Amino acid sequence: TYCYKNNCSSDTSKMYGRYYTWAAVMDSAAVYSSDGAGCGYKKTNCGAQNPVRGICPSGWRLPNENDWRALATAMGGTSTAGKLLKSKTGWDSYTDIVGGVIDGNGLDSATFSAYPAGYRYTNGTFNYVKTEGEFWFLGYSSSGELLAYVWGFNNKADNVSSHSTYAYIGFTVRCVKD
C-alpha cells in the first residue's frame, strides 16, 4: 500500500487514506482470508466470488457493483450522487466555458466524505489529486470474469461513474460492513 507522497503521517495522507493495487485490495497473498487469493497483477480473473473480504477488517468486505449502485440510488441516482457524496472540502474549483468559477466541492449529505485522492501510478506519481476520487470494487464482465473496477467522482461533475482499470494502479477503497 502507499500513502500520499509516501508520507503516511501527513494530514493529507490521513484524509485521503491509503492507495492500494488490485492485488493488495484482493489480498492476493491470502493474509486475511483466502477469498481473493491469487488475484493480482495481470490476473483479475482468478475465480474469486462475492463476497470477498480482501484487505477489509473482519466483519467487512469489498464492495461490489450492486453496493455502489444501491448507494447511488439512495442518493437520487448516478446523475446526482457525486455531488451528494463528495466531501464539503478538498475538491478544486474550476472555470466553466463562460468563465465562471464553479466550486468542485460536494454536499456530503450522507457523511460519506468522498475525498479527491486521485490515484497513484506505478512510477510513484500521484495524479488527479483534488480533482478525482476513485474507489476499487468487484466488477464482472458479461461473461462472468472478475475485473478490476473503480467507482469515480470528479470535481467538475455531480454524477458518479464506473469503469474497469489497470490492476497495478493505486486507488483507495471503502469496505462494506457485512
N, C-alpha and C. Protein backbone atom coordinates (compact mmCIF):
# COMPACT_ATOMS: atom_id res chain seq x y z
N THR A 1 0.85 -1.19 0.00
CA THR A 1 0.00 0.00 0.00
C THR A 1 0.88 1.23 0.00
N TYR A 2 0.30 2.35 -0.34
CA TYR A 2 1.04 3.59 -0.45
C TYR A 2 0.28 4.71 0.24
N CYS A 3 1.02 5.69 0.73
CA CYS A 3 0.43 6.90 1.28
C CYS A 3 0.74 8.06 0.34
N TYR A 4 -0.07 9.08 0.41
CA TYR A 4 0.13 10.24 -0.46
C TYR A 4 1.54 10.80 -0.27
N LYS A 5 2.25 10.90 -1.37
CA LYS A 5 3.64 11.37 -1.41
C LYS A 5 4.53 10.62 -0.41
N ASN A 6 4.17 9.37 -0.14
CA ASN A 6 4.95 8.47 0.72
C ASN A 6 5.15 9.01 2.14
N ASN A 7 4.23 9.82 2.61
CA ASN A 7 4.29 10.37 3.96
C ASN A 7 3.00 10.01 4.69
N CYS A 8 3.00 8.87 5.35
CA CYS A 8 1.79 8.36 6.00
C CYS A 8 1.36 9.16 7.21
N SER A 9 2.23 10.00 7.76
CA SER A 9 1.86 10.77 8.94
C SER A 9 1.30 12.15 8.62
N SER A 10 1.32 12.55 7.35
CA SER A 10 0.81 13.88 7.00
C SER A 10 -0.72 13.92 7.12
N ASP A 11 -1.25 15.10 7.39
CA ASP A 11 -2.70 15.26 7.48
C ASP A 11 -3.38 14.92 6.16
N THR A 12 -2.74 15.25 5.04
CA THR A 12 -3.31 14.94 3.73
C THR A 12 -3.40 13.44 3.53
N SER A 13 -2.36 12.70 3.91
CA SER A 13 -2.40 11.24 3.79
C SER A 13 -3.49 10.64 4.65
N LYS A 14 -3.66 11.18 5.83
CA LYS A 14 -4.71 10.68 6.72
C LYS A 14 -6.09 10.95 6.13
N MET A 15 -6.27 12.08 5.48
CA MET A 15 -7.55 12.42 4.88
C MET A 15 -7.84 11.52 3.66
N TYR A 16 -6.86 11.32 2.80
CA TYR A 16 -7.07 10.54 1.58
C TYR A 16 -7.10 9.04 1.84
N GLY A 17 -6.41 8.59 2.86
CA GLY A 17 -6.31 7.16 3.10
C GLY A 17 -5.19 6.56 2.26
N ARG A 18 -5.12 5.27 2.27
CA ARG A 18 -4.07 4.57 1.54
C ARG A 18 -4.49 4.27 0.11
N TYR A 19 -3.49 4.08 -0.72
CA TYR A 19 -3.68 3.70 -2.12
C TYR A 19 -3.27 2.23 -2.23
N TYR A 20 -4.11 1.44 -2.88
CA TYR A 20 -3.89 0.00 -2.99
C TYR A 20 -3.89 -0.43 -4.45
N THR A 21 -3.03 -1.38 -4.77
CA THR A 21 -3.13 -2.04 -6.06
C THR A 21 -4.25 -3.08 -5.97
N TRP A 22 -4.66 -3.63 -7.10
CA TRP A 22 -5.70 -4.66 -7.12
C TRP A 22 -5.28 -5.87 -6.28
N ALA A 23 -4.02 -6.28 -6.41
CA ALA A 23 -3.53 -7.43 -5.64
C ALA A 23 -3.64 -7.18 -4.15
N ALA A 24 -3.33 -5.98 -3.71
CA ALA A 24 -3.43 -5.65 -2.28
C ALA A 24 -4.88 -5.61 -1.83
N VAL A 25 -5.75 -4.99 -2.61
CA VAL A 25 -7.17 -4.91 -2.26
C VAL A 25 -7.78 -6.30 -2.14
N MET A 26 -7.45 -7.17 -3.08
CA MET A 26 -8.00 -8.52 -3.09
C MET A 26 -7.34 -9.43 -2.06
N ASP A 27 -6.25 -8.98 -1.45
CA ASP A 27 -5.47 -9.80 -0.53
C ASP A 27 -4.98 -11.05 -1.27
N SER A 28 -4.30 -10.79 -2.36
CA SER A 28 -3.79 -11.85 -3.23
C SER A 28 -2.93 -12.87 -2.49
N ALA A 29 -2.22 -12.42 -1.48
CA ALA A 29 -1.35 -13.30 -0.72
C ALA A 29 -2.10 -14.08 0.36
N ALA A 30 -3.40 -13.85 0.49
CA ALA A 30 -4.27 -14.54 1.46
C ALA A 30 -3.80 -14.36 2.90
N VAL A 31 -3.44 -13.14 3.25
CA VAL A 31 -3.01 -12.82 4.62
C VAL A 31 -4.22 -12.78 5.55
N TYR A 32 -5.33 -12.18 5.10
CA TYR A 32 -6.51 -12.01 5.94
C TYR A 32 -7.60 -13.04 5.66
N SER A 33 -7.71 -13.46 4.42
CA SER A 33 -8.67 -14.51 4.05
C SER A 33 -8.24 -15.09 2.71
N SER A 34 -8.81 -16.20 2.33
CA SER A 34 -8.44 -16.82 1.06
C SER A 34 -9.39 -16.43 -0.08
N ASP A 35 -10.35 -15.54 0.20
CA ASP A 35 -11.35 -15.15 -0.80
C ASP A 35 -10.75 -14.64 -2.11
N GLY A 36 -9.70 -13.84 -2.01
CA GLY A 36 -9.09 -13.24 -3.20
C GLY A 36 -7.71 -13.77 -3.50
N ALA A 37 -7.36 -14.93 -2.97
CA ALA A 37 -6.03 -15.49 -3.17
C ALA A 37 -5.72 -15.63 -4.66
N GLY A 38 -4.54 -15.18 -5.03
CA GLY A 38 -4.09 -15.29 -6.40
C GLY A 38 -4.59 -14.21 -7.34
N CYS A 39 -5.43 -13.33 -6.86
CA CYS A 39 -5.95 -12.24 -7.70
C CYS A 39 -4.97 -11.09 -7.62
N GLY A 40 -4.16 -10.95 -8.61
CA GLY A 40 -3.14 -9.91 -8.53
C GLY A 40 -2.85 -9.27 -9.86
N TYR A 41 -1.68 -8.72 -9.94
CA TYR A 41 -1.22 -8.04 -11.14
C TYR A 41 -1.39 -8.94 -12.36
N LYS A 42 -2.08 -8.46 -13.35
CA LYS A 42 -2.36 -9.18 -14.60
C LYS A 42 -3.17 -10.45 -14.39
N LYS A 43 -3.78 -10.61 -13.24
CA LYS A 43 -4.62 -11.79 -13.01
C LYS A 43 -5.87 -11.35 -12.27
N THR A 44 -6.79 -10.78 -13.02
CA THR A 44 -8.03 -10.34 -12.40
C THR A 44 -9.05 -11.46 -12.42
N ASN A 45 -8.99 -12.34 -13.41
CA ASN A 45 -9.92 -13.46 -13.48
C ASN A 45 -9.31 -14.64 -12.73
N CYS A 46 -9.54 -14.68 -11.42
CA CYS A 46 -8.86 -15.63 -10.56
C CYS A 46 -9.81 -16.56 -9.83
N GLY A 47 -11.07 -16.52 -10.16
CA GLY A 47 -12.03 -17.42 -9.53
C GLY A 47 -12.66 -16.90 -8.26
N ALA A 48 -12.34 -15.68 -7.83
CA ALA A 48 -12.95 -15.13 -6.62
C ALA A 48 -14.44 -14.88 -6.85
N GLN A 49 -15.23 -15.17 -5.85
CA GLN A 49 -16.67 -14.96 -5.93
C GLN A 49 -17.10 -14.06 -4.77
N ASN A 50 -18.14 -13.28 -5.02
CA ASN A 50 -18.69 -12.44 -3.95
C ASN A 50 -19.20 -13.28 -2.81
N PRO A 51 -19.08 -12.88 -1.59
CA PRO A 51 -18.34 -11.69 -1.17
C PRO A 51 -16.84 -12.00 -1.02
N VAL A 52 -16.04 -10.96 -1.14
CA VAL A 52 -14.60 -11.07 -0.95
C VAL A 52 -14.21 -10.12 0.18
N ARG A 53 -13.59 -10.67 1.20
CA ARG A 53 -13.13 -9.82 2.30
C ARG A 53 -11.96 -8.96 1.85
N GLY A 54 -11.02 -9.56 1.13
CA GLY A 54 -9.83 -8.82 0.70
C GLY A 54 -9.10 -8.24 1.89
N ILE A 55 -8.70 -6.97 1.79
CA ILE A 55 -7.96 -6.33 2.87
C ILE A 55 -8.85 -5.72 3.94
N CYS A 56 -10.14 -5.90 3.80
CA CYS A 56 -11.08 -5.32 4.77
C CYS A 56 -10.98 -6.02 6.12
N PRO A 57 -11.29 -5.30 7.20
CA PRO A 57 -11.25 -5.91 8.53
C PRO A 57 -12.29 -7.03 8.66
N SER A 58 -12.12 -7.86 9.65
CA SER A 58 -13.07 -8.93 9.91
C SER A 58 -14.46 -8.33 10.10
N GLY A 59 -15.46 -8.95 9.47
CA GLY A 59 -16.83 -8.44 9.54
C GLY A 59 -17.15 -7.44 8.44
N TRP A 60 -16.19 -7.18 7.58
CA TRP A 60 -16.35 -6.24 6.47
C TRP A 60 -15.94 -6.95 5.19
N ARG A 61 -16.31 -6.39 4.04
CA ARG A 61 -15.97 -6.98 2.75
C ARG A 61 -15.76 -5.87 1.71
N LEU A 62 -15.19 -6.27 0.58
CA LEU A 62 -15.04 -5.33 -0.53
C LEU A 62 -16.40 -5.06 -1.16
N PRO A 63 -16.63 -3.84 -1.60
CA PRO A 63 -17.90 -3.55 -2.25
C PRO A 63 -17.95 -4.16 -3.65
N ASN A 64 -19.16 -4.42 -4.10
CA ASN A 64 -19.35 -4.86 -5.48
C ASN A 64 -20.17 -3.80 -6.20
N GLU A 65 -20.44 -4.02 -7.45
CA GLU A 65 -21.17 -3.02 -8.24
C GLU A 65 -22.56 -2.76 -7.66
N ASN A 66 -23.22 -3.81 -7.18
CA ASN A 66 -24.56 -3.63 -6.60
C ASN A 66 -24.54 -2.72 -5.38
N ASP A 67 -23.48 -2.81 -4.57
CA ASP A 67 -23.36 -1.93 -3.40
C ASP A 67 -23.29 -0.46 -3.84
N TRP A 68 -22.44 -0.19 -4.83
CA TRP A 68 -22.31 1.19 -5.31
C TRP A 68 -23.59 1.68 -5.96
N ARG A 69 -24.23 0.82 -6.73
CA ARG A 69 -25.48 1.23 -7.39
C ARG A 69 -26.58 1.51 -6.35
N ALA A 70 -26.63 0.71 -5.29
CA ALA A 70 -27.62 0.93 -4.23
C ALA A 70 -27.36 2.27 -3.53
N LEU A 71 -26.09 2.58 -3.30
CA LEU A 71 -25.75 3.86 -2.68
C LEU A 71 -26.15 5.01 -3.60
N ALA A 72 -25.83 4.89 -4.89
CA ALA A 72 -26.20 5.94 -5.84
C ALA A 72 -27.72 6.11 -5.90
N THR A 73 -28.45 5.01 -5.91
CA THR A 73 -29.91 5.06 -5.95
C THR A 73 -30.45 5.78 -4.71
N ALA A 74 -29.88 5.48 -3.55
CA ALA A 74 -30.31 6.14 -2.32
C ALA A 74 -30.04 7.64 -2.35
N MET A 75 -29.11 8.06 -3.20
CA MET A 75 -28.77 9.48 -3.34
C MET A 75 -29.47 10.12 -4.53
N GLY A 76 -30.49 9.44 -5.07
CA GLY A 76 -31.25 10.02 -6.18
C GLY A 76 -30.80 9.60 -7.56
N GLY A 77 -29.84 8.70 -7.64
CA GLY A 77 -29.37 8.19 -8.93
C GLY A 77 -27.94 8.61 -9.22
N THR A 78 -27.35 7.99 -10.25
CA THR A 78 -25.95 8.26 -10.57
C THR A 78 -25.72 9.69 -11.05
N SER A 79 -26.75 10.35 -11.56
CA SER A 79 -26.56 11.71 -12.07
C SER A 79 -26.41 12.75 -10.96
N THR A 80 -26.83 12.44 -9.75
CA THR A 80 -26.74 13.40 -8.64
C THR A 80 -25.89 12.89 -7.47
N ALA A 81 -25.61 11.61 -7.43
CA ALA A 81 -24.93 11.02 -6.27
C ALA A 81 -23.55 11.61 -6.02
N GLY A 82 -22.83 11.99 -7.06
CA GLY A 82 -21.50 12.54 -6.88
C GLY A 82 -21.49 13.77 -6.01
N LYS A 83 -22.35 14.71 -6.32
CA LYS A 83 -22.44 15.96 -5.55
C LYS A 83 -22.81 15.68 -4.10
N LEU A 84 -23.71 14.72 -3.89
CA LEU A 84 -24.20 14.43 -2.54
C LEU A 84 -23.22 13.62 -1.69
N LEU A 85 -22.33 12.86 -2.33
CA LEU A 85 -21.39 12.00 -1.60
C LEU A 85 -19.99 12.60 -1.45
N LYS A 86 -19.66 13.59 -2.29
CA LYS A 86 -18.34 14.21 -2.18
C LYS A 86 -18.23 15.01 -0.89
N SER A 87 -17.00 15.08 -0.36
CA SER A 87 -16.74 15.87 0.84
C SER A 87 -17.01 17.35 0.57
N LYS A 88 -17.23 18.09 1.64
CA LYS A 88 -17.51 19.52 1.53
C LYS A 88 -16.27 20.35 1.26
N THR A 89 -15.11 19.75 1.43
CA THR A 89 -13.84 20.46 1.23
C THR A 89 -12.86 19.56 0.48
N GLY A 90 -11.83 20.19 -0.07
CA GLY A 90 -10.74 19.45 -0.70
C GLY A 90 -10.77 19.37 -2.20
N TRP A 91 -11.93 19.59 -2.81
CA TRP A 91 -12.08 19.49 -4.26
C TRP A 91 -11.75 20.83 -4.91
N ASP A 92 -10.96 20.81 -5.98
CA ASP A 92 -10.62 22.04 -6.69
C ASP A 92 -11.84 22.65 -7.35
N SER A 93 -11.86 23.98 -7.38
CA SER A 93 -12.84 24.71 -8.19
C SER A 93 -12.35 24.67 -9.63
N TYR A 94 -13.21 25.03 -10.56
CA TYR A 94 -12.83 25.04 -11.97
C TYR A 94 -13.57 26.17 -12.67
N THR A 95 -13.09 26.53 -13.84
CA THR A 95 -13.70 27.58 -14.64
C THR A 95 -14.56 26.95 -15.72
N ASP A 96 -15.82 27.35 -15.80
CA ASP A 96 -16.71 26.80 -16.82
C ASP A 96 -16.47 27.47 -18.17
N ILE A 97 -17.22 27.09 -19.19
CA ILE A 97 -16.96 27.56 -20.56
C ILE A 97 -17.23 29.05 -20.75
N VAL A 98 -17.97 29.67 -19.86
CA VAL A 98 -18.22 31.11 -19.97
C VAL A 98 -17.37 31.92 -19.00
N GLY A 99 -16.43 31.27 -18.32
CA GLY A 99 -15.51 31.97 -17.45
C GLY A 99 -15.91 32.06 -15.99
N GLY A 100 -17.01 31.43 -15.63
CA GLY A 100 -17.43 31.44 -14.23
C GLY A 100 -16.68 30.40 -13.42
N VAL A 101 -16.38 30.71 -12.18
CA VAL A 101 -15.69 29.78 -11.30
C VAL A 101 -16.74 28.94 -10.57
N ILE A 102 -16.60 27.63 -10.68
CA ILE A 102 -17.54 26.68 -10.09
C ILE A 102 -16.85 25.93 -8.96
N ASP A 103 -17.51 25.87 -7.82
CA ASP A 103 -16.99 25.15 -6.66
C ASP A 103 -17.08 23.65 -6.94
N GLY A 104 -15.97 22.93 -6.81
CA GLY A 104 -15.95 21.50 -7.08
C GLY A 104 -16.31 20.64 -5.88
N ASN A 105 -16.50 21.25 -4.72
CA ASN A 105 -16.82 20.50 -3.51
C ASN A 105 -18.22 19.92 -3.56
N GLY A 106 -18.47 18.93 -2.72
CA GLY A 106 -19.78 18.30 -2.64
C GLY A 106 -20.56 18.78 -1.45
N LEU A 107 -21.68 18.11 -1.21
CA LEU A 107 -22.56 18.44 -0.09
C LEU A 107 -22.41 17.48 1.08
N ASP A 108 -21.82 16.32 0.84
CA ASP A 108 -21.61 15.28 1.85
C ASP A 108 -22.89 14.98 2.63
N SER A 109 -23.99 14.84 1.92
CA SER A 109 -25.31 14.64 2.52
C SER A 109 -25.43 13.37 3.35
N ALA A 110 -24.66 12.35 3.01
CA ALA A 110 -24.75 11.07 3.72
C ALA A 110 -23.53 10.83 4.62
N THR A 111 -22.73 11.86 4.86
CA THR A 111 -21.47 11.77 5.60
C THR A 111 -20.56 10.66 5.06
N PHE A 112 -20.58 10.50 3.76
CA PHE A 112 -19.70 9.54 3.08
C PHE A 112 -18.31 10.14 2.90
N SER A 113 -18.24 11.43 2.69
CA SER A 113 -16.98 12.18 2.57
C SER A 113 -16.01 11.60 1.55
N ALA A 114 -16.44 11.50 0.31
CA ALA A 114 -15.54 11.05 -0.76
C ALA A 114 -14.54 12.17 -1.04
N TYR A 115 -13.27 11.90 -0.73
CA TYR A 115 -12.22 12.89 -0.93
C TYR A 115 -11.54 12.68 -2.28
N PRO A 116 -11.00 13.76 -2.84
CA PRO A 116 -10.35 13.70 -4.15
C PRO A 116 -8.91 13.22 -4.06
N ALA A 117 -8.72 11.96 -3.74
CA ALA A 117 -7.38 11.41 -3.55
C ALA A 117 -6.65 11.12 -4.86
N GLY A 118 -7.38 11.16 -6.00
CA GLY A 118 -6.74 10.83 -7.27
C GLY A 118 -6.30 9.38 -7.27
N TYR A 119 -5.14 9.11 -7.86
CA TYR A 119 -4.60 7.75 -7.85
C TYR A 119 -3.08 7.79 -7.91
N ARG A 120 -2.48 6.67 -7.56
CA ARG A 120 -1.02 6.54 -7.60
C ARG A 120 -0.65 5.66 -8.78
N TYR A 121 0.20 6.20 -9.64
CA TYR A 121 0.66 5.44 -10.80
C TYR A 121 1.91 4.66 -10.44
N THR A 122 2.28 3.70 -11.28
CA THR A 122 3.40 2.80 -10.97
C THR A 122 4.74 3.52 -10.82
N ASN A 123 4.90 4.67 -11.45
CA ASN A 123 6.17 5.40 -11.32
C ASN A 123 6.24 6.23 -10.05
N GLY A 124 5.21 6.12 -9.19
CA GLY A 124 5.20 6.82 -7.92
C GLY A 124 4.55 8.19 -7.94
N THR A 125 4.07 8.62 -9.10
CA THR A 125 3.40 9.92 -9.16
C THR A 125 1.95 9.78 -8.71
N PHE A 126 1.42 10.86 -8.17
CA PHE A 126 0.03 10.92 -7.75
C PHE A 126 -0.70 11.84 -8.72
N ASN A 127 -1.70 11.31 -9.39
CA ASN A 127 -2.40 12.02 -10.44
C ASN A 127 -3.84 12.35 -10.05
N TYR A 128 -4.30 13.49 -10.52
CA TYR A 128 -5.68 13.96 -10.35
C TYR A 128 -6.08 14.16 -8.89
N VAL A 129 -5.10 14.38 -8.02
CA VAL A 129 -5.40 14.72 -6.63
C VAL A 129 -6.11 16.07 -6.63
N LYS A 130 -7.14 16.20 -5.87
CA LYS A 130 -8.01 17.37 -5.73
C LYS A 130 -9.04 17.50 -6.84
N THR A 131 -8.99 16.60 -7.86
CA THR A 131 -9.99 16.66 -8.93
C THR A 131 -10.75 15.35 -9.13
N GLU A 132 -10.21 14.23 -8.67
CA GLU A 132 -10.89 12.94 -8.82
C GLU A 132 -10.75 12.11 -7.55
N GLY A 133 -11.75 11.30 -7.30
CA GLY A 133 -11.71 10.32 -6.23
C GLY A 133 -12.23 9.01 -6.80
N GLU A 134 -11.45 7.95 -6.71
CA GLU A 134 -11.86 6.67 -7.29
C GLU A 134 -11.63 5.56 -6.28
N PHE A 135 -12.62 4.65 -6.21
CA PHE A 135 -12.63 3.60 -5.21
C PHE A 135 -12.78 2.23 -5.87
N TRP A 136 -11.93 1.28 -5.47
CA TRP A 136 -12.00 -0.08 -6.01
C TRP A 136 -13.33 -0.75 -5.69
N PHE A 137 -13.78 -1.61 -6.60
CA PHE A 137 -14.89 -2.52 -6.31
C PHE A 137 -14.80 -3.73 -7.20
N LEU A 138 -15.50 -4.80 -6.83
CA LEU A 138 -15.53 -6.03 -7.62
C LEU A 138 -16.53 -5.87 -8.75
N GLY A 139 -16.04 -5.98 -9.95
CA GLY A 139 -16.90 -5.91 -11.12
C GLY A 139 -16.76 -7.17 -11.95
N TYR A 140 -17.79 -7.47 -12.68
CA TYR A 140 -17.78 -8.68 -13.50
C TYR A 140 -18.16 -8.35 -14.94
N SER A 141 -17.48 -8.97 -15.88
CA SER A 141 -17.80 -8.79 -17.29
C SER A 141 -19.08 -9.56 -17.60
N SER A 142 -19.60 -9.38 -18.80
CA SER A 142 -20.82 -10.09 -19.20
C SER A 142 -20.61 -11.60 -19.23
N SER A 143 -19.36 -12.05 -19.35
CA SER A 143 -19.07 -13.49 -19.35
C SER A 143 -18.78 -14.00 -17.94
N GLY A 144 -18.87 -13.11 -16.92
CA GLY A 144 -18.66 -13.54 -15.54
C GLY A 144 -17.23 -13.40 -15.05
N GLU A 145 -16.35 -12.84 -15.87
CA GLU A 145 -14.96 -12.66 -15.49
C GLU A 145 -14.84 -11.53 -14.47
N LEU A 146 -14.14 -11.77 -13.36
CA LEU A 146 -13.89 -10.74 -12.36
C LEU A 146 -12.89 -9.74 -12.92
N LEU A 147 -13.24 -8.47 -12.85
CA LEU A 147 -12.38 -7.42 -13.36
C LEU A 147 -12.13 -6.36 -12.30
N ALA A 148 -11.01 -5.65 -12.44
CA ALA A 148 -10.68 -4.54 -11.54
C ALA A 148 -11.47 -3.32 -12.00
N TYR A 149 -12.36 -2.84 -11.15
CA TYR A 149 -13.20 -1.68 -11.45
C TYR A 149 -13.03 -0.62 -10.37
N VAL A 150 -13.31 0.64 -10.76
CA VAL A 150 -13.38 1.73 -9.80
C VAL A 150 -14.66 2.52 -10.01
N TRP A 151 -15.14 3.09 -8.91
CA TRP A 151 -16.29 3.98 -8.92
C TRP A 151 -15.71 5.38 -8.76
N GLY A 152 -16.02 6.29 -9.67
CA GLY A 152 -15.33 7.56 -9.69
C GLY A 152 -16.17 8.80 -9.48
N PHE A 153 -15.55 9.77 -8.83
CA PHE A 153 -16.10 11.10 -8.59
C PHE A 153 -15.17 12.11 -9.25
N ASN A 154 -15.72 13.25 -9.68
CA ASN A 154 -14.93 14.27 -10.36
C ASN A 154 -15.36 15.64 -9.86
N ASN A 155 -14.40 16.56 -9.75
CA ASN A 155 -14.72 17.90 -9.27
C ASN A 155 -15.63 18.67 -10.22
N LYS A 156 -15.66 18.31 -11.50
CA LYS A 156 -16.46 19.02 -12.49
C LYS A 156 -17.81 18.37 -12.76
N ALA A 157 -18.19 17.39 -11.95
CA ALA A 157 -19.42 16.65 -12.24
C ALA A 157 -20.20 16.35 -10.96
N ASP A 158 -21.51 16.33 -11.09
CA ASP A 158 -22.39 15.94 -9.98
C ASP A 158 -22.68 14.45 -10.00
N ASN A 159 -22.29 13.77 -11.07
CA ASN A 159 -22.59 12.34 -11.20
C ASN A 159 -21.45 11.47 -10.67
N VAL A 160 -21.70 10.18 -10.63
CA VAL A 160 -20.69 9.17 -10.35
C VAL A 160 -20.69 8.20 -11.53
N SER A 161 -19.57 7.58 -11.77
CA SER A 161 -19.49 6.62 -12.88
C SER A 161 -18.49 5.53 -12.51
N SER A 162 -18.53 4.44 -13.26
CA SER A 162 -17.61 3.35 -13.00
C SER A 162 -16.92 2.94 -14.30
N HIS A 163 -15.74 2.35 -14.14
CA HIS A 163 -15.01 1.84 -15.31
C HIS A 163 -14.00 0.80 -14.85
N SER A 164 -13.66 -0.10 -15.77
CA SER A 164 -12.60 -1.05 -15.46
C SER A 164 -11.27 -0.31 -15.56
N THR A 165 -10.26 -0.85 -14.90
CA THR A 165 -8.99 -0.14 -14.87
C THR A 165 -7.84 -1.14 -14.77
N TYR A 166 -6.64 -0.62 -14.74
CA TYR A 166 -5.45 -1.45 -14.64
C TYR A 166 -5.20 -1.87 -13.20
N ALA A 167 -4.83 -3.11 -13.01
CA ALA A 167 -4.65 -3.68 -11.68
C ALA A 167 -3.45 -3.10 -10.93
N TYR A 168 -2.52 -2.51 -11.64
CA TYR A 168 -1.30 -2.03 -10.99
C TYR A 168 -1.37 -0.58 -10.51
N ILE A 169 -2.47 0.12 -10.77
CA ILE A 169 -2.62 1.49 -10.31
C ILE A 169 -3.14 1.48 -8.88
N GLY A 170 -2.71 2.43 -8.08
CA GLY A 170 -3.14 2.51 -6.68
C GLY A 170 -4.35 3.43 -6.52
N PHE A 171 -5.47 2.85 -6.09
CA PHE A 171 -6.68 3.61 -5.78
C PHE A 171 -7.04 3.37 -4.32
N THR A 172 -7.99 4.13 -3.83
CA THR A 172 -8.48 3.94 -2.47
C THR A 172 -9.63 2.94 -2.48
N VAL A 173 -10.06 2.53 -1.29
CA VAL A 173 -11.14 1.56 -1.18
C VAL A 173 -12.01 1.92 0.01
N ARG A 174 -13.28 1.62 -0.08
CA ARG A 174 -14.22 1.72 1.05
C ARG A 174 -14.80 0.34 1.25
N CYS A 175 -14.68 -0.18 2.44
CA CYS A 175 -15.21 -1.50 2.77
C CYS A 175 -16.69 -1.39 3.16
N VAL A 176 -17.40 -2.50 3.04
CA VAL A 176 -18.82 -2.57 3.38
C VAL A 176 -18.97 -3.50 4.57
N LYS A 177 -19.72 -3.08 5.56
CA LYS A 177 -19.95 -3.91 6.75
C LYS A 177 -20.88 -5.05 6.37
N ASP A 178 -20.50 -6.29 6.74
CA ASP A 178 -21.35 -7.46 6.48
C ASP A 178 -22.65 -7.35 7.23
